[in-house]
C-alpha cells in the first residue's frame, strides 16, 4: 500500500516537529516550484501518521478542558 502525503505549512508544522516519528514521516519541501507555492518550512507529511498524531493532540487538549 502506498502512503499518501499532505502538505503542512508553517506555523502548523510546529505542532508535529517534536512528535515521535516526525523524521520518518515528514520531508521538508525544498524544490523551487513547491517553495514558491507553499513557502519555506513547509513539509510533505504522511497523512496516516498525521491523523494519528492529530487524534493524540486533540484528545489531550479535550481532557484539559
Protein backbone atom coordinates (compact mmCIF):
# COMPACT_ATOMS: atom_id res chain seq x y z
CA UNK A 1 0.00 0.00 0.00
CA UNK A 2 1.36 3.40 -0.95
CA UNK A 3 1.39 6.24 1.53
CA UNK A 4 -0.40 9.50 0.86
CA UNK A 5 1.22 12.76 1.82
CA UNK A 6 -0.30 16.12 2.62
CA UNK A 7 1.42 19.49 2.73
CA UNK A 8 1.66 21.13 6.13
CA UNK A 9 2.86 24.72 6.19
CA UNK A 10 4.45 26.92 8.83
CA UNK A 11 3.29 27.57 11.54
CA UNK A 12 1.05 24.46 11.72
CA UNK A 13 4.06 22.14 11.28
CA UNK A 14 5.32 23.27 14.70
CA UNK A 15 2.67 21.00 16.26
CA UNK A 16 4.35 17.94 14.74
CA UNK A 17 8.11 18.61 14.89
CA UNK A 18 8.58 17.18 18.39
CA UNK A 19 6.31 14.15 17.89
CA UNK A 20 7.63 10.61 17.69
CA UNK A 21 8.04 9.54 14.07
CA UNK A 22 8.42 13.04 12.62
CA UNK A 23 11.74 12.27 10.93
CA UNK A 24 10.36 9.10 9.32
CA UNK A 25 7.05 10.60 8.19
CA UNK A 26 7.88 14.15 7.11
CA UNK A 27 10.03 15.63 4.38
CA UNK A 28 10.98 19.29 4.08
CA UNK A 29 9.92 20.78 0.75
CA UNK A 30 12.99 22.15 -1.00
CA UNK A 31 12.04 22.22 -4.67
CA UNK A 32 11.82 25.79 -6.02
CA UNK A 33 8.42 25.26 -7.65
CA UNK A 34 6.89 23.95 -4.42
CA UNK A 35 8.66 26.61 -2.32
CA UNK A 36 7.18 29.36 -4.48
CA UNK A 37 3.71 27.94 -3.88
CA UNK A 38 3.91 26.89 -0.21
CA UNK A 39 6.88 28.79 1.24
CA UNK A 40 9.87 27.82 3.31
CA UNK A 41 9.41 25.41 6.21
CA UNK A 42 6.57 23.51 4.55
CA UNK A 43 6.65 19.72 4.70
CA UNK A 44 5.20 16.71 2.96
CA UNK A 45 3.63 14.76 5.84
CA UNK A 46 2.44 11.16 5.79
CA UNK A 47 -1.34 11.51 6.01
CA UNK A 48 -1.90 8.40 8.15
CA UNK A 49 0.79 9.42 10.68
CA UNK A 50 -0.60 12.98 10.81
CA UNK A 51 -4.08 11.65 11.51
CA UNK A 52 -2.80 9.53 14.43
CA UNK A 53 -0.85 12.46 15.87
CA UNK A 54 -3.86 14.77 15.46
CA UNK A 55 -6.02 12.32 17.43
CA UNK A 56 -3.49 12.37 20.28
CA UNK A 57 -3.13 16.16 20.22
CA UNK A 58 -6.88 16.79 20.22
CA UNK A 59 -7.68 14.12 22.81
CA UNK A 60 -5.07 15.62 25.15
CA UNK A 61 -6.48 19.10 24.57
CA UNK A 62 -10.01 17.86 25.22
CA UNK A 63 -9.02 16.28 28.54
CA UNK A 64 -7.51 19.57 29.71
CA UNK A 65 -10.89 21.31 29.41
